[in-house]
mmCIF file of all heavy atoms, coordinates in Angstrom:
data_MODEL
# 
_entry.id   MODEL 
# 
loop_
_atom_site.group_PDB 
_atom_site.id 
_atom_site.type_symbol 
_atom_site.label_atom_id 
_atom_site.label_alt_id 
_atom_site.label_comp_id 
_atom_site.label_asym_id 
_atom_site.label_entity_id 
_atom_site.label_seq_id 
_atom_site.pdbx_PDB_ins_code 
_atom_site.Cartn_x 
_atom_site.Cartn_y 
_atom_site.Cartn_z 
_atom_site.occupancy 
_atom_site.B_iso_or_equiv 
_atom_site.pdbx_formal_charge 
_atom_site.auth_seq_id 
_atom_site.auth_comp_id 
_atom_site.auth_asym_id 
_atom_site.auth_atom_id 
_atom_site.pdbx_PDB_model_num 
ATOM 1   N N   . ALA A 1 1  ? -0.963 -53.430 39.819 1.00 0.00 ? 1  ALA A N   1 
ATOM 2   C CA  . ALA A 1 1  ? -0.991 -52.205 39.015 1.00 0.00 ? 1  ALA A CA  1 
ATOM 3   C C   . ALA A 1 1  ? 0.422  -51.826 38.562 1.00 0.00 ? 1  ALA A C   1 
ATOM 4   O O   . ALA A 1 1  ? 0.607  -51.299 37.462 1.00 0.00 ? 1  ALA A O   1 
ATOM 5   C CB  . ALA A 1 1  ? -1.620 -51.062 39.807 1.00 0.00 ? 1  ALA A CB  1 
ATOM 6   N N   . LEU A 1 2  ? 1.412  -52.104 39.403 1.00 0.00 ? 2  LEU A N   1 
ATOM 7   C CA  . LEU A 1 2  ? 2.814  -51.856 39.026 1.00 0.00 ? 2  LEU A CA  1 
ATOM 8   C C   . LEU A 1 2  ? 3.281  -52.845 37.967 1.00 0.00 ? 2  LEU A C   1 
ATOM 9   O O   . LEU A 1 2  ? 3.964  -52.480 37.023 1.00 0.00 ? 2  LEU A O   1 
ATOM 10  C CB  . LEU A 1 2  ? 3.739  -51.999 40.236 1.00 0.00 ? 2  LEU A CB  1 
ATOM 11  C CG  . LEU A 1 2  ? 3.872  -50.863 41.199 1.00 0.00 ? 2  LEU A CG  1 
ATOM 12  C CD1 . LEU A 1 2  ? 4.859  -51.224 42.294 1.00 0.00 ? 2  LEU A CD1 1 
ATOM 13  C CD2 . LEU A 1 2  ? 4.293  -49.595 40.502 1.00 0.00 ? 2  LEU A CD2 1 
ATOM 14  N N   . ASP A 1 3  ? 2.946  -54.117 38.193 1.00 0.00 ? 3  ASP A N   1 
ATOM 15  C CA  . ASP A 1 3  ? 3.380  -55.184 37.289 1.00 0.00 ? 3  ASP A CA  1 
ATOM 16  C C   . ASP A 1 3  ? 2.478  -56.390 37.512 1.00 0.00 ? 3  ASP A C   1 
ATOM 17  O O   . ASP A 1 3  ? 2.561  -57.035 38.559 1.00 0.00 ? 3  ASP A O   1 
ATOM 18  C CB  . ASP A 1 3  ? 4.833  -55.567 37.582 1.00 0.00 ? 3  ASP A CB  1 
ATOM 19  C CG  . ASP A 1 3  ? 5.340  -56.689 36.681 1.00 0.00 ? 3  ASP A CG  1 
ATOM 20  O OD1 . ASP A 1 3  ? 4.585  -57.181 35.811 1.00 0.00 ? 3  ASP A OD1 1 
ATOM 21  O OD2 . ASP A 1 3  ? 6.497  -57.077 36.861 1.00 0.00 ? 3  ASP A OD2 1 
ATOM 22  N N   . PRO A 1 4  ? 1.620  -56.702 36.563 1.00 0.00 ? 4  PRO A N   1 
ATOM 23  C CA  . PRO A 1 4  ? 0.716  -57.843 36.729 1.00 0.00 ? 4  PRO A CA  1 
ATOM 24  C C   . PRO A 1 4  ? 1.448  -59.170 36.970 1.00 0.00 ? 4  PRO A C   1 
ATOM 25  O O   . PRO A 1 4  ? 0.861  -60.105 37.493 1.00 0.00 ? 4  PRO A O   1 
ATOM 26  C CB  . PRO A 1 4  ? -0.063 -57.898 35.414 1.00 0.00 ? 4  PRO A CB  1 
ATOM 27  C CG  . PRO A 1 4  ? 0.059  -56.535 34.828 1.00 0.00 ? 4  PRO A CG  1 
ATOM 28  C CD  . PRO A 1 4  ? 1.391  -55.995 35.297 1.00 0.00 ? 4  PRO A CD  1 
ATOM 29  N N   . ALA A 1 5  ? 2.715  -59.241 36.606 1.00 0.00 ? 5  ALA A N   1 
ATOM 30  C CA  . ALA A 1 5  ? 3.496  -60.472 36.781 1.00 0.00 ? 5  ALA A CA  1 
ATOM 31  C C   . ALA A 1 5  ? 4.445  -60.389 37.979 1.00 0.00 ? 5  ALA A C   1 
ATOM 32  O O   . ALA A 1 5  ? 5.415  -61.138 38.052 1.00 0.00 ? 5  ALA A O   1 
ATOM 33  C CB  . ALA A 1 5  ? 4.278  -60.780 35.506 1.00 0.00 ? 5  ALA A CB  1 
ATOM 34  N N   . TYR A 1 6  ? 4.161  -59.479 38.956 1.00 0.00 ? 6  TYR A N   1 
ATOM 35  C CA  . TYR A 1 6  ? 5.033  -59.390 40.131 1.00 0.00 ? 6  TYR A CA  1 
ATOM 36  C C   . TYR A 1 6  ? 5.111  -60.757 40.811 1.00 0.00 ? 6  TYR A C   1 
ATOM 37  O O   . TYR A 1 6  ? 4.205  -61.580 40.696 1.00 0.00 ? 6  TYR A O   1 
ATOM 38  C CB  . TYR A 1 6  ? 4.535  -58.326 41.118 1.00 0.00 ? 6  TYR A CB  1 
ATOM 39  C CG  . TYR A 1 6  ? 3.412  -58.800 42.017 1.00 0.00 ? 6  TYR A CG  1 
ATOM 40  C CD1 . TYR A 1 6  ? 3.683  -59.403 43.244 1.00 0.00 ? 6  TYR A CD1 1 
ATOM 41  C CD2 . TYR A 1 6  ? 2.083  -58.658 41.645 1.00 0.00 ? 6  TYR A CD2 1 
ATOM 42  C CE1 . TYR A 1 6  ? 2.663  -59.849 44.062 1.00 0.00 ? 6  TYR A CE1 1 
ATOM 43  C CE2 . TYR A 1 6  ? 1.053  -59.108 42.456 1.00 0.00 ? 6  TYR A CE2 1 
ATOM 44  C CZ  . TYR A 1 6  ? 1.350  -59.704 43.663 1.00 0.00 ? 6  TYR A CZ  1 
ATOM 45  O OH  . TYR A 1 6  ? 0.345  -60.157 44.478 1.00 0.00 ? 6  TYR A OH  1 
ATOM 46  N N   . ARG A 1 7  ? 6.198  -61.006 41.531 1.00 0.00 ? 7  ARG A N   1 
ATOM 47  C CA  . ARG A 1 7  ? 6.364  -62.266 42.263 1.00 0.00 ? 7  ARG A CA  1 
ATOM 48  C C   . ARG A 1 7  ? 6.796  -61.978 43.689 1.00 0.00 ? 7  ARG A C   1 
ATOM 49  O O   . ARG A 1 7  ? 7.677  -61.161 43.926 1.00 0.00 ? 7  ARG A O   1 
ATOM 50  C CB  . ARG A 1 7  ? 7.436  -63.149 41.605 1.00 0.00 ? 7  ARG A CB  1 
ATOM 51  C CG  . ARG A 1 7  ? 7.021  -63.748 40.294 1.00 0.00 ? 7  ARG A CG  1 
ATOM 52  C CD  . ARG A 1 7  ? 8.095  -64.638 39.680 1.00 0.00 ? 7  ARG A CD  1 
ATOM 53  N NE  . ARG A 1 7  ? 9.381  -63.955 39.511 1.00 0.00 ? 7  ARG A NE  1 
ATOM 54  C CZ  . ARG A 1 7  ? 10.471 -64.176 40.258 1.00 0.00 ? 7  ARG A CZ  1 
ATOM 55  N NH1 . ARG A 1 7  ? 10.473 -65.069 41.206 1.00 0.00 ? 7  ARG A NH1 1 
ATOM 56  N NH2 . ARG A 1 7  ? 11.585 -63.508 40.022 1.00 0.00 ? 7  ARG A NH2 1 
ATOM 57  N N   . VAL A 1 8  ? 6.183  -62.682 44.625 1.00 0.00 ? 8  VAL A N   1 
ATOM 58  C CA  . VAL A 1 8  ? 6.581  -62.597 46.025 1.00 0.00 ? 8  VAL A CA  1 
ATOM 59  C C   . VAL A 1 8  ? 7.786  -63.504 46.234 1.00 0.00 ? 8  VAL A C   1 
ATOM 60  O O   . VAL A 1 8  ? 7.773  -64.664 45.840 1.00 0.00 ? 8  VAL A O   1 
ATOM 61  C CB  . VAL A 1 8  ? 5.418  -63.028 46.953 1.00 0.00 ? 8  VAL A CB  1 
ATOM 62  C CG1 . VAL A 1 8  ? 5.888  -63.147 48.388 1.00 0.00 ? 8  VAL A CG1 1 
ATOM 63  C CG2 . VAL A 1 8  ? 4.267  -62.044 46.833 1.00 0.00 ? 8  VAL A CG2 1 
ATOM 64  N N   . GLU A 1 9  ? 8.811  -62.950 46.833 1.00 0.00 ? 9  GLU A N   1 
ATOM 65  C CA  . GLU A 1 9  ? 10.011 -63.722 47.123 1.00 0.00 ? 9  GLU A CA  1 
ATOM 66  C C   . GLU A 1 9  ? 9.953  -64.325 48.522 1.00 0.00 ? 9  GLU A C   1 
ATOM 67  O O   . GLU A 1 9  ? 10.340 -65.465 48.735 1.00 0.00 ? 9  GLU A O   1 
ATOM 68  C CB  . GLU A 1 9  ? 11.234 -62.812 46.994 1.00 0.00 ? 9  GLU A CB  1 
ATOM 69  C CG  . GLU A 1 9  ? 12.548 -63.524 47.024 1.00 0.00 ? 9  GLU A CG  1 
ATOM 70  C CD  . GLU A 1 9  ? 13.663 -62.596 46.609 1.00 0.00 ? 9  GLU A CD  1 
ATOM 71  O OE1 . GLU A 1 9  ? 14.160 -61.857 47.490 1.00 0.00 ? 9  GLU A OE1 1 
ATOM 72  O OE2 . GLU A 1 9  ? 14.012 -62.596 45.419 1.00 0.00 ? 9  GLU A OE2 1 
ATOM 73  N N   . GLU A 1 10 ? 9.465  -63.534 49.480 1.00 0.00 ? 10 GLU A N   1 
ATOM 74  C CA  . GLU A 1 10 ? 9.314  -64.004 50.857 1.00 0.00 ? 10 GLU A CA  1 
ATOM 75  C C   . GLU A 1 10 ? 8.008  -63.473 51.418 1.00 0.00 ? 10 GLU A C   1 
ATOM 76  O O   . GLU A 1 10 ? 7.615  -62.355 51.130 1.00 0.00 ? 10 GLU A O   1 
ATOM 77  C CB  . GLU A 1 10 ? 10.471 -63.518 51.731 1.00 0.00 ? 10 GLU A CB  1 
ATOM 78  C CG  . GLU A 1 10 ? 11.809 -64.096 51.353 1.00 0.00 ? 10 GLU A CG  1 
ATOM 79  C CD  . GLU A 1 10 ? 12.924 -63.598 52.263 1.00 0.00 ? 10 GLU A CD  1 
ATOM 80  O OE1 . GLU A 1 10 ? 12.668 -63.373 53.458 1.00 0.00 ? 10 GLU A OE1 1 
ATOM 81  O OE2 . GLU A 1 10 ? 14.033 -63.432 51.757 1.00 0.00 ? 10 GLU A OE2 1 
ATOM 82  N N   . PHE A 1 11 ? 7.354  -64.308 52.222 1.00 0.00 ? 11 PHE A N   1 
ATOM 83  C CA  . PHE A 1 11 ? 6.095  -63.918 52.850 1.00 0.00 ? 11 PHE A CA  1 
ATOM 84  C C   . PHE A 1 11 ? 6.011  -64.588 54.203 1.00 0.00 ? 11 PHE A C   1 
ATOM 85  O O   . PHE A 1 11 ? 6.275  -65.775 54.324 1.00 0.00 ? 11 PHE A O   1 
ATOM 86  C CB  . PHE A 1 11 ? 4.898  -64.371 51.997 1.00 0.00 ? 11 PHE A CB  1 
ATOM 87  C CG  . PHE A 1 11 ? 3.576  -63.923 52.550 1.00 0.00 ? 11 PHE A CG  1 
ATOM 88  C CD1 . PHE A 1 11 ? 2.969  -62.791 52.056 1.00 0.00 ? 11 PHE A CD1 1 
ATOM 89  C CD2 . PHE A 1 11 ? 2.942  -64.624 53.560 1.00 0.00 ? 11 PHE A CD2 1 
ATOM 90  C CE1 . PHE A 1 11 ? 1.749  -62.366 52.561 1.00 0.00 ? 11 PHE A CE1 1 
ATOM 91  C CE2 . PHE A 1 11 ? 1.734  -64.211 54.080 1.00 0.00 ? 11 PHE A CE2 1 
ATOM 92  C CZ  . PHE A 1 11 ? 1.133  -63.075 53.579 1.00 0.00 ? 11 PHE A CZ  1 
ATOM 93  N N   . GLY A 1 12 ? 5.653  -63.827 55.224 1.00 0.00 ? 12 GLY A N   1 
ATOM 94  C CA  . GLY A 1 12 ? 5.487  -64.417 56.540 1.00 0.00 ? 12 GLY A CA  1 
ATOM 95  C C   . GLY A 1 12 ? 5.171  -63.350 57.573 1.00 0.00 ? 12 GLY A C   1 
ATOM 96  O O   . GLY A 1 12 ? 4.792  -62.222 57.245 1.00 0.00 ? 12 GLY A O   1 
ATOM 97  N N   . THR A 1 13 ? 5.331  -63.737 58.819 1.00 0.00 ? 13 THR A N   1 
ATOM 98  C CA  . THR A 1 13 ? 5.152  -62.806 59.923 1.00 0.00 ? 13 THR A CA  1 
ATOM 99  C C   . THR A 1 13 ? 6.441  -62.759 60.724 1.00 0.00 ? 13 THR A C   1 
ATOM 100 O O   . THR A 1 13 ? 7.176  -63.751 60.804 1.00 0.00 ? 13 THR A O   1 
ATOM 101 C CB  . THR A 1 13 ? 3.983  -63.225 60.841 1.00 0.00 ? 13 THR A CB  1 
ATOM 102 O OG1 . THR A 1 13 ? 4.242  -64.521 61.356 1.00 0.00 ? 13 THR A OG1 1 
ATOM 103 C CG2 . THR A 1 13 ? 2.666  -63.230 60.087 1.00 0.00 ? 13 THR A CG2 1 
ATOM 104 N N   . GLN A 1 14 ? 6.694  -61.612 61.286 1.00 0.00 ? 14 GLN A N   1 
ATOM 105 C CA  . GLN A 1 14 ? 7.867  -61.438 62.125 1.00 0.00 ? 14 GLN A CA  1 
ATOM 106 C C   . GLN A 1 14 ? 7.585  -60.295 63.082 1.00 0.00 ? 14 GLN A C   1 
ATOM 107 O O   . GLN A 1 14 ? 7.044  -59.259 62.679 1.00 0.00 ? 14 GLN A O   1 
ATOM 108 C CB  . GLN A 1 14 ? 9.091  -61.127 61.264 1.00 0.00 ? 14 GLN A CB  1 
ATOM 109 C CG  . GLN A 1 14 ? 10.375 -61.066 62.039 1.00 0.00 ? 14 GLN A CG  1 
ATOM 110 C CD  . GLN A 1 14 ? 11.563 -60.827 61.119 1.00 0.00 ? 14 GLN A CD  1 
ATOM 111 O OE1 . GLN A 1 14 ? 11.434 -60.271 60.040 1.00 0.00 ? 14 GLN A OE1 1 
ATOM 112 N NE2 . GLN A 1 14 ? 12.718 -61.253 61.562 1.00 0.00 ? 14 GLN A NE2 1 
ATOM 113 N N   . LEU A 1 15 ? 7.919  -60.497 64.335 1.00 0.00 ? 15 LEU A N   1 
ATOM 114 C CA  . LEU A 1 15 ? 7.717  -59.478 65.359 1.00 0.00 ? 15 LEU A CA  1 
ATOM 115 C C   . LEU A 1 15 ? 6.279  -58.975 65.402 1.00 0.00 ? 15 LEU A C   1 
ATOM 116 O O   . LEU A 1 15 ? 6.011  -57.817 65.661 1.00 0.00 ? 15 LEU A O   1 
ATOM 117 C CB  . LEU A 1 15 ? 8.697  -58.317 65.159 1.00 0.00 ? 15 LEU A CB  1 
ATOM 118 C CG  . LEU A 1 15 ? 10.168 -58.692 65.151 1.00 0.00 ? 15 LEU A CG  1 
ATOM 119 C CD1 . LEU A 1 15 ? 11.033 -57.480 64.824 1.00 0.00 ? 15 LEU A CD1 1 
ATOM 120 C CD2 . LEU A 1 15 ? 10.588 -59.312 66.480 1.00 0.00 ? 15 LEU A CD2 1 
ATOM 121 N N   . GLY A 1 16 ? 5.340  -59.865 65.118 1.00 0.00 ? 16 GLY A N   1 
ATOM 122 C CA  . GLY A 1 16 ? 3.924  -59.550 65.240 1.00 0.00 ? 16 GLY A CA  1 
ATOM 123 C C   . GLY A 1 16 ? 3.263  -58.954 64.019 1.00 0.00 ? 16 GLY A C   1 
ATOM 124 O O   . GLY A 1 16 ? 2.072  -58.696 64.028 1.00 0.00 ? 16 GLY A O   1 
ATOM 125 N N   . GLY A 1 17 ? 4.016  -58.710 62.956 1.00 0.00 ? 17 GLY A N   1 
ATOM 126 C CA  . GLY A 1 17 ? 3.440  -58.104 61.757 1.00 0.00 ? 17 GLY A CA  1 
ATOM 127 C C   . GLY A 1 17 ? 3.802  -58.873 60.503 1.00 0.00 ? 17 GLY A C   1 
ATOM 128 O O   . GLY A 1 17 ? 4.578  -59.828 60.539 1.00 0.00 ? 17 GLY A O   1 
ATOM 129 N N   . LEU A 1 18 ? 3.210  -58.441 59.409 1.00 0.00 ? 18 LEU A N   1 
ATOM 130 C CA  . LEU A 1 18 ? 3.507  -59.039 58.108 1.00 0.00 ? 18 LEU A CA  1 
ATOM 131 C C   . LEU A 1 18 ? 4.915  -58.690 57.661 1.00 0.00 ? 18 LEU A C   1 
ATOM 132 O O   . LEU A 1 18 ? 5.409  -57.605 57.960 1.00 0.00 ? 18 LEU A O   1 
ATOM 133 C CB  . LEU A 1 18 ? 2.557  -58.485 57.042 1.00 0.00 ? 18 LEU A CB  1 
ATOM 134 C CG  . LEU A 1 18 ? 1.165  -59.038 56.963 1.00 0.00 ? 18 LEU A CG  1 
ATOM 135 C CD1 . LEU A 1 18 ? 0.334  -58.188 55.996 1.00 0.00 ? 18 LEU A CD1 1 
ATOM 136 C CD2 . LEU A 1 18 ? 1.185  -60.482 56.511 1.00 0.00 ? 18 LEU A CD2 1 
ATOM 137 N N   . ARG A 1 19 ? 5.521  -59.576 56.902 1.00 0.00 ? 19 ARG A N   1 
ATOM 138 C CA  . ARG A 1 19 ? 6.793  -59.308 56.231 1.00 0.00 ? 19 ARG A CA  1 
ATOM 139 C C   . ARG A 1 19 ? 6.666  -59.866 54.822 1.00 0.00 ? 19 ARG A C   1 
ATOM 140 O O   . ARG A 1 19 ? 6.449  -61.063 54.634 1.00 0.00 ? 19 ARG A O   1 
ATOM 141 C CB  . ARG A 1 19 ? 7.979  -59.949 56.949 1.00 0.00 ? 19 ARG A CB  1 
ATOM 142 C CG  . ARG A 1 19 ? 8.216  -59.408 58.349 1.00 0.00 ? 19 ARG A CG  1 
ATOM 143 C CD  . ARG A 1 19 ? 8.484  -57.896 58.358 1.00 0.00 ? 19 ARG A CD  1 
ATOM 144 N NE  . ARG A 1 19 ? 8.586  -57.373 59.710 1.00 0.00 ? 19 ARG A NE  1 
ATOM 145 C CZ  . ARG A 1 19 ? 7.628  -56.714 60.358 1.00 0.00 ? 19 ARG A CZ  1 
ATOM 146 N NH1 . ARG A 1 19 ? 6.476  -56.491 59.764 1.00 0.00 ? 19 ARG A NH1 1 
ATOM 147 N NH2 . ARG A 1 19 ? 7.816  -56.278 61.577 1.00 0.00 ? 19 ARG A NH2 1 
ATOM 148 N N   . VAL A 1 20 ? 6.755  -58.976 53.848 1.00 0.00 ? 20 VAL A N   1 
ATOM 149 C CA  . VAL A 1 20 ? 6.584  -59.356 52.443 1.00 0.00 ? 20 VAL A CA  1 
ATOM 150 C C   . VAL A 1 20 ? 7.744  -58.773 51.646 1.00 0.00 ? 20 VAL A C   1 
ATOM 151 O O   . VAL A 1 20 ? 8.070  -57.600 51.778 1.00 0.00 ? 20 VAL A O   1 
ATOM 152 C CB  . VAL A 1 20 ? 5.254  -58.815 51.861 1.00 0.00 ? 20 VAL A CB  1 
ATOM 153 C CG1 . VAL A 1 20 ? 5.084  -59.231 50.408 1.00 0.00 ? 20 VAL A CG1 1 
ATOM 154 C CG2 . VAL A 1 20 ? 4.067  -59.268 52.697 1.00 0.00 ? 20 VAL A CG2 1 
ATOM 155 N N   . SER A 1 21 ? 8.336  -59.606 50.818 1.00 0.00 ? 21 SER A N   1 
ATOM 156 C CA  . SER A 1 21 ? 9.417  -59.173 49.939 1.00 0.00 ? 21 SER A CA  1 
ATOM 157 C C   . SER A 1 21 ? 9.052  -59.554 48.517 1.00 0.00 ? 21 SER A C   1 
ATOM 158 O O   . SER A 1 21 ? 8.712  -60.705 48.234 1.00 0.00 ? 21 SER A O   1 
ATOM 159 C CB  . SER A 1 21 ? 10.725 -59.850 50.354 1.00 0.00 ? 21 SER A CB  1 
ATOM 160 O OG  . SER A 1 21 ? 11.756 -59.526 49.457 1.00 0.00 ? 21 SER A OG  1 
ATOM 161 N N   . VAL A 1 22 ? 9.120  -58.577 47.626 1.00 0.00 ? 22 VAL A N   1 
ATOM 162 C CA  . VAL A 1 22 ? 8.801  -58.800 46.213 1.00 0.00 ? 22 VAL A CA  1 
ATOM 163 C C   . VAL A 1 22 ? 10.105 -59.024 45.454 1.00 0.00 ? 22 VAL A C   1 
ATOM 164 O O   . VAL A 1 22 ? 11.099 -58.333 45.677 1.00 0.00 ? 22 VAL A O   1 
ATOM 165 C CB  . VAL A 1 22 ? 8.025  -57.594 45.634 1.00 0.00 ? 22 VAL A CB  1 
ATOM 166 C CG1 . VAL A 1 22 ? 7.788  -57.744 44.139 1.00 0.00 ? 22 VAL A CG1 1 
ATOM 167 C CG2 . VAL A 1 22 ? 6.701  -57.429 46.368 1.00 0.00 ? 22 VAL A CG2 1 
ATOM 168 N N   . ALA A 1 23 ? 10.086 -59.998 44.563 1.00 0.00 ? 23 ALA A N   1 
ATOM 169 C CA  . ALA A 1 23 ? 11.277 -60.320 43.776 1.00 0.00 ? 23 ALA A CA  1 
ATOM 170 C C   . ALA A 1 23 ? 11.665 -59.147 42.880 1.00 0.00 ? 23 ALA A C   1 
ATOM 171 O O   . ALA A 1 23 ? 10.804 -58.414 42.381 1.00 0.00 ? 23 ALA A O   1 
ATOM 172 C CB  . ALA A 1 23 ? 11.016 -61.562 42.924 1.00 0.00 ? 23 ALA A CB  1 
ATOM 173 N N   . ASP A 1 24 ? 12.963 -58.983 42.694 1.00 0.00 ? 24 ASP A N   1 
ATOM 174 C CA  . ASP A 1 24 ? 13.466 -57.949 41.793 1.00 0.00 ? 24 ASP A CA  1 
ATOM 175 C C   . ASP A 1 24 ? 13.001 -58.223 40.376 1.00 0.00 ? 24 ASP A C   1 
ATOM 176 O O   . ASP A 1 24 ? 12.718 -59.356 39.993 1.00 0.00 ? 24 ASP A O   1 
ATOM 177 C CB  . ASP A 1 24 ? 14.997 -57.914 41.823 1.00 0.00 ? 24 ASP A CB  1 
ATOM 178 C CG  . ASP A 1 24 ? 15.528 -57.402 43.153 1.00 0.00 ? 24 ASP A CG  1 
ATOM 179 O OD1 . ASP A 1 24 ? 14.824 -56.598 43.801 1.00 0.00 ? 24 ASP A OD1 1 
ATOM 180 O OD2 . ASP A 1 24 ? 16.645 -57.794 43.532 1.00 0.00 ? 24 ASP A OD2 1 
ATOM 181 N N   . ARG A 1 25 ? 12.943 -57.167 39.612 1.00 0.00 ? 25 ARG A N   1 
ATOM 182 C CA  . ARG A 1 25 ? 12.523 -57.268 38.221 1.00 0.00 ? 25 ARG A CA  1 
ATOM 183 C C   . ARG A 1 25 ? 13.648 -56.720 37.351 1.00 0.00 ? 25 ARG A C   1 
ATOM 184 O O   . ARG A 1 25 ? 14.323 -55.774 37.722 1.00 0.00 ? 25 ARG A O   1 
ATOM 185 C CB  . ARG A 1 25 ? 11.246 -56.453 38.025 1.00 0.00 ? 25 ARG A CB  1 
ATOM 186 C CG  . ARG A 1 25 ? 10.643 -56.589 36.657 1.00 0.00 ? 25 ARG A CG  1 
ATOM 187 C CD  . ARG A 1 25 ? 9.322  -55.891 36.592 1.00 0.00 ? 25 ARG A CD  1 
ATOM 188 N NE  . ARG A 1 25 ? 9.555  -54.469 36.367 1.00 0.00 ? 25 ARG A NE  1 
ATOM 189 C CZ  . ARG A 1 25 ? 8.592  -53.597 36.100 1.00 0.00 ? 25 ARG A CZ  1 
ATOM 190 N NH1 . ARG A 1 25 ? 7.344  -53.980 36.073 1.00 0.00 ? 25 ARG A NH1 1 
ATOM 191 N NH2 . ARG A 1 25 ? 8.864  -52.340 35.893 1.00 0.00 ? 25 ARG A NH2 1 
ATOM 192 N N   . PHE A 1 26 ? 13.826 -57.339 36.218 1.00 0.00 ? 26 PHE A N   1 
ATOM 193 C CA  . PHE A 1 26 ? 14.866 -56.919 35.283 1.00 0.00 ? 26 PHE A CA  1 
ATOM 194 C C   . PHE A 1 26 ? 14.217 -56.622 33.942 1.00 0.00 ? 26 PHE A C   1 
ATOM 195 O O   . PHE A 1 26 ? 13.382 -57.389 33.465 1.00 0.00 ? 26 PHE A O   1 
ATOM 196 C CB  . PHE A 1 26 ? 15.927 -58.012 35.131 1.00 0.00 ? 26 PHE A CB  1 
ATOM 197 C CG  . PHE A 1 26 ? 16.686 -58.246 36.401 1.00 0.00 ? 26 PHE A CG  1 
ATOM 198 C CD1 . PHE A 1 26 ? 16.199 -59.103 37.373 1.00 0.00 ? 26 PHE A CD1 1 
ATOM 199 C CD2 . PHE A 1 26 ? 17.875 -57.581 36.639 1.00 0.00 ? 26 PHE A CD2 1 
ATOM 200 C CE1 . PHE A 1 26 ? 16.877 -59.301 38.562 1.00 0.00 ? 26 PHE A CE1 1 
ATOM 201 C CE2 . PHE A 1 26 ? 18.564 -57.770 37.824 1.00 0.00 ? 26 PHE A CE2 1 
ATOM 202 C CZ  . PHE A 1 26 ? 18.076 -58.631 38.790 1.00 0.00 ? 26 PHE A CZ  1 
ATOM 203 N N   . GLU A 1 27 ? 14.560 -55.509 33.349 1.00 0.00 ? 27 GLU A N   1 
ATOM 204 C CA  . GLU A 1 27 ? 14.060 -55.108 32.032 1.00 0.00 ? 27 GLU A CA  1 
ATOM 205 C C   . GLU A 1 27 ? 15.244 -55.075 31.079 1.00 0.00 ? 27 GLU A C   1 
ATOM 206 O O   . GLU A 1 27 ? 16.217 -54.357 31.319 1.00 0.00 ? 27 GLU A O   1 
ATOM 207 C CB  . GLU A 1 27 ? 13.405 -53.725 32.096 1.00 0.00 ? 27 GLU A CB  1 
ATOM 208 C CG  . GLU A 1 27 ? 12.138 -53.692 32.926 1.00 0.00 ? 27 GLU A CG  1 
ATOM 209 C CD  . GLU A 1 27 ? 11.026 -54.520 32.340 1.00 0.00 ? 27 GLU A CD  1 
ATOM 210 O OE1 . GLU A 1 27 ? 10.960 -54.680 31.113 1.00 0.00 ? 27 GLU A OE1 1 
ATOM 211 O OE2 . GLU A 1 27 ? 10.211 -55.021 33.129 1.00 0.00 ? 27 GLU A OE2 1 
ATOM 212 N N   . ALA A 1 28 ? 15.165 -55.856 30.021 1.00 0.00 ? 28 ALA A N   1 
ATOM 213 C CA  . ALA A 1 28 ? 16.237 -55.933 29.014 1.00 0.00 ? 28 ALA A CA  1 
ATOM 214 C C   . ALA A 1 28 ? 17.583 -56.209 29.685 1.00 0.00 ? 28 ALA A C   1 
ATOM 215 O O   . ALA A 1 28 ? 18.601 -55.632 29.331 1.00 0.00 ? 28 ALA A O   1 
ATOM 216 C CB  . ALA A 1 28 ? 16.275 -54.648 28.193 1.00 0.00 ? 28 ALA A CB  1 
ATOM 217 N N   . GLY A 1 29 ? 17.558 -57.063 30.707 1.00 0.00 ? 29 GLY A N   1 
ATOM 218 C CA  . GLY A 1 29 ? 18.782 -57.441 31.394 1.00 0.00 ? 29 GLY A CA  1 
ATOM 219 C C   . GLY A 1 29 ? 19.255 -56.453 32.442 1.00 0.00 ? 29 GLY A C   1 
ATOM 220 O O   . GLY A 1 29 ? 20.251 -56.683 33.118 1.00 0.00 ? 29 GLY A O   1 
# 
């Protein structure tokens, strides 16, 4: 809903829970 073209940069588990990082987005540089 924020951005249909979002990209996951990192995904995994750590310390028993999910860890997800979304790639930065740049608009007009």
